[in-house]
Amino acid sequence: MNAPLIECVPNFSEGRRPAAVAAIAQAIERALGRPILDQHLDADHHRAVLTFAGPPEAVEAAALAGIAEAAARLDLSAHQGVHPRIGVADVVPFVPVRAATMADCIALAHRVAARAATECGIPAFCYGEAARQSAYRDLAALRRAIRVSPAFPAPDYGPRRPHPTAGAVAVGARDYLIAFNVELETDALDIAQALARALRAANGGFPGVKALGLRLASRGAVQISMNLTETRRVRPADVVQAIAAAARRQGVAVGRLELVGLIPTADAAIGFDEPMRSLLFPDEKILARRLHLE
């Protein structure tokens, strides 16, 4: 019988100091007992996305080790980046991979949130399938509430005020998603924002697509940064084709394409011609292959 396997994809608010991210990754690996699967740093986003997987107990310990190390090394009060964030350990989602259910991931999320609050003093909110407050099922709604509410919203666990340097943490349970960025060869932020609005599921765009238009100061360009949550219905290639067509109408070309983290299976790469498919989605970027599931 196959042992349970859960994926965790924590996002940390640090993309400009590789040594700090390396220390967080090392803390995770020590607790996990195996190497992480992937690491992605972005200086403009000022964000690091790490991916690891393992048995539930090891994943729980590793997630907490990463949160604690981030709280010890990072300072949200000095943080500036284009990506929205609520804490140094910003989001910590759990995903069922093998012989594990969404209920297992929900229980794991609640344990990690409670322990992050008691052991690190960080207020913890549960989101996605693990949400205890229905208003915060959507991560974007949680971010808005923290940003615009006159008083700090009541967390699910921990103090009713943000940690002075670590902020807050959102801990969740969800299905697979694909994080994918499309750069536009222009510095016109309004064009990226308009295209992002048109793509969003909430605005009648693609099912399960969440998108932001962001400026990349280091590259003199703008970017559409997306999460694709309906991975069986919408592939990155579908969205790239739509962006390219809409950008052409604005007299703008599509530039660099970027996968953040891993894709669940090789099927998610369908729609791209070679060699683009091999460039964007080599075997080491396919979760199922990294875990020997396909």
C-alpha atoms as a PDB file:
ATOM      1  CA  MET A   1       0.000   0.000   0.000  1.00  0.00           C
ATOM      2  CA  ASN A   2       1.330   3.454  -0.922  1.00  0.00           C
ATOM      3  CA  ALA A   3       2.111   5.766   1.986  1.00  0.00           C
ATOM      4  CA  PRO A   4       0.258   9.108   2.196  1.00  0.00           C
ATOM      5  CA  LEU A   5       1.958  11.959   0.378  1.00  0.00           C
ATOM      6  CA  ILE A   6       1.146  15.664   0.746  1.00  0.00           C
ATOM      7  CA  GLU A   7       2.609  18.614  -1.124  1.00  0.00           C
ATOM      8  CA  CYS A   8       3.313  21.978   0.497  1.00  0.00           C
ATOM      9  CA  VAL A   9       4.072  25.165  -1.468  1.00  0.00           C
ATOM     10  CA  PRO A  10       4.930  27.930   1.012  1.00  0.00           C
ATOM     11  CA  ASN A  11       5.466  31.467  -0.291  1.00  0.00           C
ATOM     12  CA  PHE A  12       7.924  33.640   1.633  1.00  0.00           C
ATOM     13  CA  SER A  13       8.304  37.406   1.395  1.00  0.00           C
ATOM     14  CA  GLU A  14      11.961  37.409   0.327  1.00  0.00           C
ATOM     15  CA  GLY A  15      13.266  37.341  -3.223  1.00  0.00           C
ATOM     16  CA  ARG A  16      16.406  39.434  -3.080  1.00  0.00           C
ATOM     17  CA  ARG A  17      18.621  37.654  -0.549  1.00  0.00           C
ATOM     18  CA  PRO A  18      19.363  34.113  -1.729  1.00  0.00           C
ATOM     19  CA  ALA A  19      21.209  33.329   1.503  1.00  0.00           C
ATOM     20  CA  ALA A  20      18.123  34.041   3.605  1.00  0.00           C
ATOM     21  CA  VAL A  21      15.972  31.840   1.374  1.00  0.00           C
ATOM     22  CA  ALA A  22      18.621  29.117   1.473  1.00  0.00           C
ATOM     23  CA  ALA A  23      18.484  29.154   5.286  1.00  0.00           C
ATOM     24  CA  ILE A  24      14.702  28.743   5.192  1.00  0.00           C
ATOM     25  CA  ALA A  25      15.018  25.902   2.675  1.00  0.00           C
ATOM     26  CA  GLN A  26      17.642  24.188   4.848  1.00  0.00           C
ATOM     27  CA  ALA A  27      15.374  24.414   7.909  1.00  0.00           C
ATOM     28  CA  ILE A  28      12.582  22.806   5.893  1.00  0.00           C
ATOM     29  CA  GLU A  29      14.846  20.032   4.615  1.00  0.00           C
ATOM     30  CA  ARG A  30      16.166  19.188   8.073  1.00  0.00           C
ATOM     31  CA  ALA A  31      12.626  18.752   9.384  1.00  0.00           C
ATOM     32  CA  LEU A  32      11.399  16.985   6.253  1.00  0.00           C
ATOM     33  CA  GLY A  33      14.295  14.549   6.044  1.00  0.00           C
ATOM     34  CA  ARG A  34      14.625  14.972   2.276  1.00  0.00           C
ATOM     35  CA  PRO A  35      15.460  17.736  -0.231  1.00  0.00           C
ATOM     36  CA  ILE A  36      12.871  20.252  -1.329  1.00  0.00           C
ATOM     37  CA  LEU A  37      11.600  19.773  -4.887  1.00  0.00           C
ATOM     38  CA  ASP A  38      11.807  23.312  -6.218  1.00  0.00           C
ATOM     39  CA  GLN A  39      12.784  26.876  -5.349  1.00  0.00           C
ATOM     40  CA  HIS A  40      11.796  30.037  -7.205  1.00  0.00           C
ATOM     41  CA  LEU A  41      13.013  33.545  -6.315  1.00  0.00           C
ATOM     42  CA  ASP A  42      11.799  36.796  -7.876  1.00  0.00           C
ATOM     43  CA  ALA A  43      13.376  40.137  -6.990  1.00  0.00           C
ATOM     44  CA  ASP A  44      10.543  42.313  -8.347  1.00  0.00           C
ATOM     45  CA  HIS A  45       7.882  40.272  -6.583  1.00  0.00           C
ATOM     46  CA  HIS A  46      10.305  40.090  -3.612  1.00  0.00           C
ATOM     47  CA  ARG A  47       9.056  36.585  -3.059  1.00  0.00           C
ATOM     48  CA  ALA A  48      10.290  33.011  -2.863  1.00  0.00           C
ATOM     49  CA  VAL A  49       8.149  29.980  -3.649  1.00  0.00           C
ATOM     50  CA  LEU A  50       9.390  26.644  -2.292  1.00  0.00           C
ATOM     51  CA  THR A  51       7.885  23.238  -3.054  1.00  0.00           C
ATOM     52  CA  PHE A  52       8.258  20.060  -1.034  1.00  0.00           C
ATOM     53  CA  ALA A  53       6.326  16.858  -0.400  1.00  0.00           C
ATOM     54  CA  GLY A  54       6.349  13.974   2.031  1.00  0.00           C
ATOM     55  CA  PRO A  55       4.367  12.107   4.680  1.00  0.00           C
ATOM     56  CA  PRO A  56       1.908  14.258   6.672  1.00  0.00           C
ATOM     57  CA  GLU A  57       3.922  14.284   9.908  1.00  0.00           C
ATOM     58  CA  ALA A  58       7.138  15.288   8.151  1.00  0.00           C
ATOM     59  CA  VAL A  59       5.365  17.927   6.050  1.00  0.00           C
ATOM     60  CA  GLU A  60       3.814  19.416   9.197  1.00  0.00           C
ATOM     61  CA  ALA A  61       7.209  19.657  10.895  1.00  0.00           C
ATOM     62  CA  ALA A  62       8.821  21.086   7.767  1.00  0.00           C
ATOM     63  CA  ALA A  63       6.147  23.753   7.258  1.00  0.00           C
ATOM     64  CA  LEU A  64       6.512  24.897  10.863  1.00  0.00           C
ATOM     65  CA  ALA A  65      10.299  24.939  10.552  1.00  0.00           C
ATOM     66  CA  GLY A  66      10.011  27.153   7.467  1.00  0.00           C
ATOM     67  CA  ILE A  67       7.602  29.546   9.192  1.00  0.00           C
ATOM     68  CA  ALA A  68       9.848  29.796  12.267  1.00  0.00           C
ATOM     69  CA  GLU A  69      12.996  30.389  10.207  1.00  0.00           C
ATOM     70  CA  ALA A  70      11.264  33.053   8.123  1.00  0.00           C
ATOM     71  CA  ALA A  71      10.036  34.789  11.280  1.00  0.00           C
ATOM     72  CA  ALA A  72      13.595  34.787  12.658  1.00  0.00           C
ATOM     73  CA  ARG A  73      15.250  36.116   9.485  1.00  0.00           C
ATOM     74  CA  LEU A  74      12.761  38.345   7.651  1.00  0.00           C
ATOM     75  CA  ASP A  75      11.133  41.671   8.515  1.00  0.00           C
ATOM     76  CA  LEU A  76       7.839  42.546   6.847  1.00  0.00           C
ATOM     77  CA  SER A  77       8.040  46.154   8.038  1.00  0.00           C
ATOM     78  CA  ALA A  78      11.052  46.693   5.752  1.00  0.00           C
ATOM     79  CA  HIS A  79       9.595  44.769   2.811  1.00  0.00           C
ATOM     80  CA  GLN A  80       8.785  46.329  -0.557  1.00  0.00           C
ATOM     81  CA  GLY A  81       7.689  44.250  -3.548  1.00  0.00           C
ATOM     82  CA  VAL A  82       4.988  44.239  -6.195  1.00  0.00           C
ATOM     83  CA  HIS A  83       3.317  41.035  -4.992  1.00  0.00           C
ATOM     84  CA  PRO A  84       0.619  41.333  -2.299  1.00  0.00           C
ATOM     85  CA  ARG A  85       1.611  39.823   1.077  1.00  0.00           C
ATOM     86  CA  ILE A  86       0.412  39.630   4.681  1.00  0.00           C
ATOM     87  CA  GLY A  87       3.451  38.076   6.322  1.00  0.00           C
ATOM     88  CA  VAL A  88       7.026  36.870   5.953  1.00  0.00           C
ATOM     89  CA  ALA A  89       5.654  33.333   5.700  1.00  0.00           C
ATOM     90  CA  ASP A  90       2.850  34.627   3.537  1.00  0.00           C
ATOM     91  CA  VAL A  91       0.858  31.575   2.440  1.00  0.00           C
ATOM     92  CA  VAL A  92       1.328  27.919   3.361  1.00  0.00           C
ATOM     93  CA  PRO A  93      -0.980  25.649   1.331  1.00  0.00           C
ATOM     94  CA  PHE A  94      -1.259  21.850   1.581  1.00  0.00           C
ATOM     95  CA  VAL A  95      -2.273  19.688  -1.383  1.00  0.00           C
ATOM     96  CA  PRO A  96      -3.255  15.984  -1.316  1.00  0.00           C
ATOM     97  CA  VAL A  97      -1.060  13.991  -3.703  1.00  0.00           C
ATOM     98  CA  ARG A  98      -1.335  10.268  -2.945  1.00  0.00           C
ATOM     99  CA  ALA A  99      -3.322   8.230  -0.395  1.00  0.00           C
ATOM    100  CA  ALA A 100      -4.356  11.497   1.265  1.00  0.00           C
ATOM    101  CA  THR A 101      -7.638  13.383   1.140  1.00  0.00           C
ATOM    102  CA  MET A 102      -8.598  17.028   1.237  1.00  0.00           C
ATOM    103  CA  ALA A 103      -9.870  16.358   4.761  1.00  0.00           C
ATOM    104  CA  ASP A 104      -6.358  15.272   5.728  1.00  0.00           C
ATOM    105  CA  CYS A 105      -4.965  18.526   4.348  1.00  0.00           C
ATOM    106  CA  ILE A 106      -7.608  20.592   6.137  1.00  0.00           C
ATOM    107  CA  ALA A 107      -6.722  18.968   9.455  1.00  0.00           C
ATOM    108  CA  LEU A 108      -3.025  19.514   8.727  1.00  0.00           C
ATOM    109  CA  ALA A 109      -3.622  23.186   7.900  1.00  0.00           C
ATOM    110  CA  HIS A 110      -5.441  23.728  11.183  1.00  0.00           C
ATOM    111  CA  ARG A 111      -2.649  22.060  13.166  1.00  0.00           C
ATOM    112  CA  VAL A 112       0.033  24.145  11.472  1.00  0.00           C
ATOM    113  CA  ALA A 113      -1.971  27.368  11.892  1.00  0.00           C
ATOM    114  CA  ALA A 114      -2.524  26.683  15.587  1.00  0.00           C
ATOM    115  CA  ARG A 115       1.123  25.828  16.175  1.00  0.00           C
ATOM    116  CA  ALA A 116       2.401  28.846  14.205  1.00  0.00           C
ATOM    117  CA  ALA A 117       0.271  31.001  16.501  1.00  0.00           C
ATOM    118  CA  THR A 118       1.358  29.395  19.775  1.00  0.00           C
ATOM    119  CA  GLU A 119       4.996  28.623  18.938  1.00  0.00           C
ATOM    120  CA  CYS A 120       5.865  31.700  16.844  1.00  0.00           C
ATOM    121  CA  GLY A 121       3.329  34.257  18.071  1.00  0.00           C
ATOM    122  CA  ILE A 122       2.054  34.840  14.517  1.00  0.00           C
ATOM    123  CA  PRO A 123      -1.686  35.347  13.922  1.00  0.00           C
ATOM    124  CA  ALA A 124      -2.863  32.633  11.535  1.00  0.00           C
ATOM    125  CA  PHE A 125      -5.792  32.687   9.125  1.00  0.00           C
ATOM    126  CA  CYS A 126      -7.092  29.551   7.407  1.00  0.00           C
ATOM    127  CA  TYR A 127      -8.115  29.844   3.765  1.00  0.00           C
ATOM    128  CA  GLY A 128      -9.242  27.724   0.833  1.00  0.00           C
ATOM    129  CA  GLU A 129     -10.796  24.410   1.781  1.00  0.00           C
ATOM    130  CA  ALA A 130      -9.460  24.907   5.329  1.00  0.00           C
ATOM    131  CA  ALA A 131     -11.273  28.237   5.858  1.00  0.00           C
ATOM    132  CA  ARG A 132     -13.016  28.571   9.205  1.00  0.00           C
ATOM    133  CA  GLN A 133     -14.437  31.983   8.271  1.00  0.00           C
ATOM    134  CA  SER A 134     -16.339  31.759   4.995  1.00  0.00           C
ATOM    135  CA  ALA A 135     -15.321  35.284   4.024  1.00  0.00           C
ATOM    136  CA  TYR A 136     -11.691  34.152   3.891  1.00  0.00           C
ATOM    137  CA  ARG A 137     -12.133  31.087   1.741  1.00  0.00           C
ATOM    138  CA  ASP A 138     -10.739  33.206  -1.091  1.00  0.00           C
ATOM    139  CA  LEU A 139      -7.175  34.290  -0.368  1.00  0.00           C
ATOM    140  CA  ALA A 140      -7.624  37.588  -2.200  1.00  0.00           C
ATOM    141  CA  ALA A 141     -10.560  38.436   0.086  1.00  0.00           C
ATOM    142  CA  LEU A 142      -8.395  37.754   3.135  1.00  0.00           C
ATOM    143  CA  ARG A 143      -5.662  40.029   1.790  1.00  0.00           C
ATOM    144  CA  ARG A 144      -8.196  42.804   1.141  1.00  0.00           C
ATOM    145  CA  ALA A 145      -9.667  42.482   4.615  1.00  0.00           C
ATOM    146  CA  ILE A 146      -6.256  42.840   6.242  1.00  0.00           C
ATOM    147  CA  ARG A 147      -5.286  45.742   3.991  1.00  0.00           C
ATOM    148  CA  VAL A 148      -8.447  47.865   4.203  1.00  0.00           C
ATOM    149  CA  SER A 149     -10.135  46.994   7.516  1.00  0.00           C
ATOM    150  CA  PRO A 150      -9.923  49.772  10.131  1.00  0.00           C
ATOM    151  CA  ALA A 151      -8.876  47.176  12.708  1.00  0.00           C
ATOM    152  CA  PHE A 152      -6.863  44.006  12.212  1.00  0.00           C
ATOM    153  CA  PRO A 153      -9.356  41.185  11.474  1.00  0.00           C
ATOM    154  CA  ALA A 154      -9.777  38.436  14.051  1.00  0.00           C
ATOM    155  CA  PRO A 155      -7.495  35.535  13.096  1.00  0.00           C
ATOM    156  CA  ASP A 156      -8.459  31.893  13.433  1.00  0.00           C
ATOM    157  CA  TYR A 157      -5.535  31.323  15.770  1.00  0.00           C
ATOM    158  CA  GLY A 158      -3.206  33.542  17.739  1.00  0.00           C
ATOM    159  CA  PRO A 159      -2.966  37.207  18.731  1.00  0.00           C
ATOM    160  CA  ARG A 160      -5.438  39.768  17.446  1.00  0.00           C
ATOM    161  CA  ARG A 161      -2.693  41.980  16.102  1.00  0.00           C
ATOM    162  CA  PRO A 162       0.013  41.335  13.509  1.00  0.00           C
ATOM    163  CA  HIS A 163       3.432  40.197  14.634  1.00  0.00           C
ATOM    164  CA  PRO A 164       5.669  43.325  14.551  1.00  0.00           C
ATOM    165  CA  THR A 165       8.082  41.866  11.989  1.00  0.00           C
ATOM    166  CA  ALA A 166       6.480  38.618  10.776  1.00  0.00           C
ATOM    167  CA  GLY A 167       2.977  39.974  10.083  1.00  0.00           C
ATOM    168  CA  ALA A 168       0.415  37.183   9.708  1.00  0.00           C
ATOM    169  CA  VAL A 169       0.278  33.835   7.926  1.00  0.00           C
ATOM    170  CA  ALA A 170      -2.412  32.273   5.744  1.00  0.00           C
ATOM    171  CA  VAL A 171      -2.502  28.481   6.005  1.00  0.00           C
ATOM    172  CA  GLY A 172      -4.719  26.566   3.621  1.00  0.00           C
ATOM    173  CA  ALA A 173      -5.741  23.381   1.881  1.00  0.00           C
ATOM    174  CA  ARG A 174      -6.372  23.302  -1.850  1.00  0.00           C
ATOM    175  CA  ASP A 175      -6.164  21.246  -5.006  1.00  0.00           C
ATOM    176  CA  TYR A 176      -3.353  21.643  -7.531  1.00  0.00           C
ATOM    177  CA  LEU A 177      -2.804  24.991  -9.176  1.00  0.00           C
ATOM    178  CA  ILE A 178      -0.353  26.295 -11.764  1.00  0.00           C
ATOM    179  CA  ALA A 179       1.397  29.609 -11.100  1.00  0.00           C
ATOM    180  CA  PHE A 180       2.327  31.116 -14.456  1.00  0.00           C
ATOM    181  CA  ASN A 181       3.576  34.549 -15.519  1.00  0.00           C
ATOM    182  CA  VAL A 182       3.449  36.243 -18.915  1.00  0.00           C
ATOM    183  CA  GLU A 183       5.648  39.272 -19.559  1.00  0.00           C
ATOM    184  CA  LEU A 184       4.589  41.954 -22.024  1.00  0.00           C
ATOM    185  CA  GLU A 185       7.100  43.959 -24.054  1.00  0.00           C
ATOM    186  CA  THR A 186       5.871  47.301 -22.775  1.00  0.00           C
ATOM    187  CA  ASP A 187       6.095  49.314 -19.572  1.00  0.00           C
ATOM    188  CA  ALA A 188       2.419  50.304 -19.729  1.00  0.00           C
ATOM    189  CA  LEU A 189       0.992  48.954 -16.481  1.00  0.00           C
ATOM    190  CA  ASP A 190      -2.566  49.857 -17.490  1.00  0.00           C
ATOM    191  CA  ILE A 191      -2.394  47.391 -20.402  1.00  0.00           C
ATOM    192  CA  ALA A 192      -1.267  44.536 -18.132  1.00  0.00           C
ATOM    193  CA  GLN A 193      -3.945  45.369 -15.578  1.00  0.00           C
ATOM    194  CA  ALA A 194      -6.683  45.510 -18.211  1.00  0.00           C
ATOM    195  CA  LEU A 195      -5.651  42.153 -19.685  1.00  0.00           C
ATOM    196  CA  ALA A 196      -5.472  40.631 -16.200  1.00  0.00           C
ATOM    197  CA  ARG A 197      -8.999  41.829 -15.421  1.00  0.00           C
ATOM    198  CA  ALA A 198     -10.323  40.279 -18.626  1.00  0.00           C
ATOM    199  CA  LEU A 199      -8.693  36.921 -17.818  1.00  0.00           C
ATOM    200  CA  ARG A 200     -10.084  36.556 -14.299  1.00  0.00           C
ATOM    201  CA  ALA A 201     -12.825  34.031 -13.674  1.00  0.00           C
ATOM    202  CA  ALA A 202     -14.480  36.603 -11.386  1.00  0.00           C
ATOM    203  CA  ASN A 203     -14.895  38.899 -14.405  1.00  0.00           C
ATOM    204  CA  GLY A 204     -16.153  36.223 -16.785  1.00  0.00           C
ATOM    205  CA  GLY A 205     -12.777  35.176 -18.129  1.00  0.00           C
ATOM    206  CA  PHE A 206     -11.199  31.731 -17.925  1.00  0.00           C
ATOM    207  CA  PRO A 207     -12.532  29.307 -15.279  1.00  0.00           C
ATOM    208  CA  GLY A 208     -10.363  29.257 -12.172  1.00  0.00           C
ATOM    209  CA  VAL A 209      -7.963  31.983 -13.336  1.00  0.00           C
ATOM    210  CA  LYS A 210      -6.756  34.639 -10.908  1.00  0.00           C
ATOM    211  CA  ALA A 211      -4.589  37.346 -12.438  1.00  0.00           C
ATOM    212  CA  LEU A 212      -2.743  40.551 -11.535  1.00  0.00           C
ATOM    213  CA  GLY A 213      -1.018  43.103 -13.730  1.00  0.00           C
ATOM    214  CA  LEU A 214       2.354  44.021 -12.186  1.00  0.00           C
ATOM    215  CA  ARG A 215       5.310  46.238 -13.078  1.00  0.00           C
ATOM    216  CA  LEU A 216       8.769  44.645 -13.280  1.00  0.00           C
ATOM    217  CA  ALA A 217      11.091  47.577 -12.610  1.00  0.00           C
ATOM    218  CA  SER A 218      14.230  45.500 -13.048  1.00  0.00           C
ATOM    219  CA  ARG A 219      13.216  44.544 -16.612  1.00  0.00           C
ATOM    220  CA  GLY A 220      11.465  47.723 -17.757  1.00  0.00           C
ATOM    221  CA  ALA A 221       8.374  45.670 -18.554  1.00  0.00           C
ATOM    222  CA  VAL A 222       5.038  44.597 -17.128  1.00  0.00           C
ATOM    223  CA  GLN A 223       3.747  41.161 -16.308  1.00  0.00           C
ATOM    224  CA  ILE A 224       0.480  39.297 -15.960  1.00  0.00           C
ATOM    225  CA  SER A 225       0.941  37.065 -12.919  1.00  0.00           C
ATOM    226  CA  MET A 226      -1.589  34.235 -12.696  1.00  0.00           C
ATOM    227  CA  ASN A 227      -2.786  31.291 -10.684  1.00  0.00           C
ATOM    228  CA  LEU A 228      -4.643  28.679 -12.722  1.00  0.00           C
ATOM    229  CA  THR A 229      -6.777  26.688 -10.289  1.00  0.00           C
ATOM    230  CA  GLU A 230      -8.848  24.645 -12.754  1.00  0.00           C
ATOM    231  CA  THR A 231      -5.872  22.718 -14.101  1.00  0.00           C
ATOM    232  CA  ARG A 232      -8.021  20.050 -15.776  1.00  0.00           C
ATOM    233  CA  ARG A 233     -10.018  22.636 -17.707  1.00  0.00           C
ATOM    234  CA  VAL A 234      -7.572  25.436 -18.447  1.00  0.00           C
ATOM    235  CA  ARG A 235      -3.922  24.994 -19.434  1.00  0.00           C
ATOM    236  CA  PRO A 236      -1.221  27.685 -19.538  1.00  0.00           C
ATOM    237  CA  ALA A 237      -1.126  27.462 -23.339  1.00  0.00           C
ATOM    238  CA  ASP A 238      -4.828  28.383 -23.531  1.00  0.00           C
ATOM    239  CA  VAL A 239      -4.233  31.519 -21.484  1.00  0.00           C
ATOM    240  CA  VAL A 240      -1.038  32.507 -23.292  1.00  0.00           C
ATOM    241  CA  GLN A 241      -2.835  32.355 -26.637  1.00  0.00           C
ATOM    242  CA  ALA A 242      -5.603  34.600 -25.321  1.00  0.00           C
ATOM    243  CA  ILE A 243      -3.101  37.083 -23.878  1.00  0.00           C
ATOM    244  CA  ALA A 244      -1.118  37.179 -27.127  1.00  0.00           C
ATOM    245  CA  ALA A 245      -4.249  37.889 -29.172  1.00  0.00           C
ATOM    246  CA  ALA A 246      -5.444  40.631 -26.811  1.00  0.00           C
ATOM    247  CA  ALA A 247      -1.956  42.169 -26.587  1.00  0.00           C
ATOM    248  CA  ARG A 248      -1.656  42.304 -30.388  1.00  0.00           C
ATOM    249  CA  ARG A 249      -4.812  44.381 -30.493  1.00  0.00           C
ATOM    250  CA  GLN A 250      -2.997  46.850 -28.217  1.00  0.00           C
ATOM    251  CA  GLY A 251       0.110  46.790 -30.416  1.00  0.00           C
ATOM    252  CA  VAL A 252       2.071  44.887 -27.767  1.00  0.00           C
ATOM    253  CA  ALA A 253       4.050  41.662 -28.056  1.00  0.00           C
ATOM    254  CA  VAL A 254       4.290  38.860 -25.506  1.00  0.00           C
ATOM    255  CA  GLY A 255       7.742  38.430 -24.004  1.00  0.00           C
ATOM    256  CA  ARG A 256       9.106  35.955 -21.468  1.00  0.00           C
ATOM    257  CA  LEU A 257       6.922  33.119 -20.167  1.00  0.00           C
ATOM    258  CA  GLU A 258       7.608  31.806 -16.685  1.00  0.00           C
ATOM    259  CA  LEU A 259       6.428  28.847 -14.637  1.00  0.00           C
ATOM    260  CA  VAL A 260       6.582  29.371 -10.868  1.00  0.00           C
ATOM    261  CA  GLY A 261       7.030  26.116  -8.977  1.00  0.00           C
ATOM    262  CA  LEU A 262       5.885  22.840 -10.518  1.00  0.00           C
ATOM    263  CA  ILE A 263       3.032  21.655 -12.697  1.00  0.00           C
ATOM    264  CA  PRO A 264       1.065  18.605 -11.495  1.00  0.00           C
ATOM    265  CA  THR A 265       1.408  16.381 -14.582  1.00  0.00           C
ATOM    266  CA  ALA A 266       2.870  16.473 -18.074  1.00  0.00           C
ATOM    267  CA  ASP A 267      -0.662  16.916 -19.460  1.00  0.00           C
ATOM    268  CA  ALA A 268      -0.652  20.489 -18.155  1.00  0.00           C
ATOM    269  CA  ALA A 269       2.038  21.334 -20.728  1.00  0.00           C
ATOM    270  CA  ILE A 270      -0.094  20.308 -23.715  1.00  0.00           C
ATOM    271  CA  GLY A 271      -0.629  23.083 -26.229  1.00  0.00           C
ATOM    272  CA  PHE A 272       2.928  24.380 -26.438  1.00  0.00           C
ATOM    273  CA  ASP A 273       5.095  23.531 -29.440  1.00  0.00           C
ATOM    274  CA  GLU A 274       8.557  22.094 -29.042  1.00  0.00           C
ATOM    275  CA  PRO A 275      11.075  23.358 -28.009  1.00  0.00           C
ATOM    276  CA  MET A 276       8.965  25.742 -25.872  1.00  0.00           C
ATOM    277  CA  ARG A 277       7.363  22.834 -24.055  1.00  0.00           C
ATOM    278  CA  SER A 278      10.737  21.349 -23.128  1.00  0.00           C
ATOM    279  CA  LEU A 279      12.090  24.763 -22.125  1.00  0.00           C
ATOM    280  CA  LEU A 280       9.188  25.696 -19.844  1.00  0.00           C
ATOM    281  CA  PHE A 281       8.267  22.242 -18.543  1.00  0.00           C
ATOM    282  CA  PRO A 282      11.301  19.950 -18.300  1.00  0.00           C
ATOM    283  CA  ASP A 283      10.851  16.741 -16.312  1.00  0.00           C
ATOM    284  CA  GLU A 284      12.212  18.344 -13.134  1.00  0.00           C
ATOM    285  CA  LYS A 285       9.297  20.822 -13.230  1.00  0.00           C
ATOM    286  CA  ILE A 286       6.621  18.107 -13.365  1.00  0.00           C
ATOM    287  CA  LEU A 287       5.504  17.060  -9.879  1.00  0.00           C
ATOM    288  CA  ALA A 288       4.239  13.621 -10.860  1.00  0.00           C
ATOM    289  CA  ARG A 289       7.585  12.743 -12.440  1.00  0.00           C
ATOM    290  CA  ARG A 290       9.629  14.140  -9.560  1.00  0.00           C
ATOM    291  CA  LEU A 291       7.620  11.912  -7.206  1.00  0.00           C
ATOM    292  CA  HIS A 292       7.680   8.929  -9.632  1.00  0.00           C
ATOM    293  CA  LEU A 293       3.916   8.929  -9.961  1.00  0.00           C
ATOM    294  CA  GLU A 294       3.909   8.825 -13.785  1.00  0.00           C
END
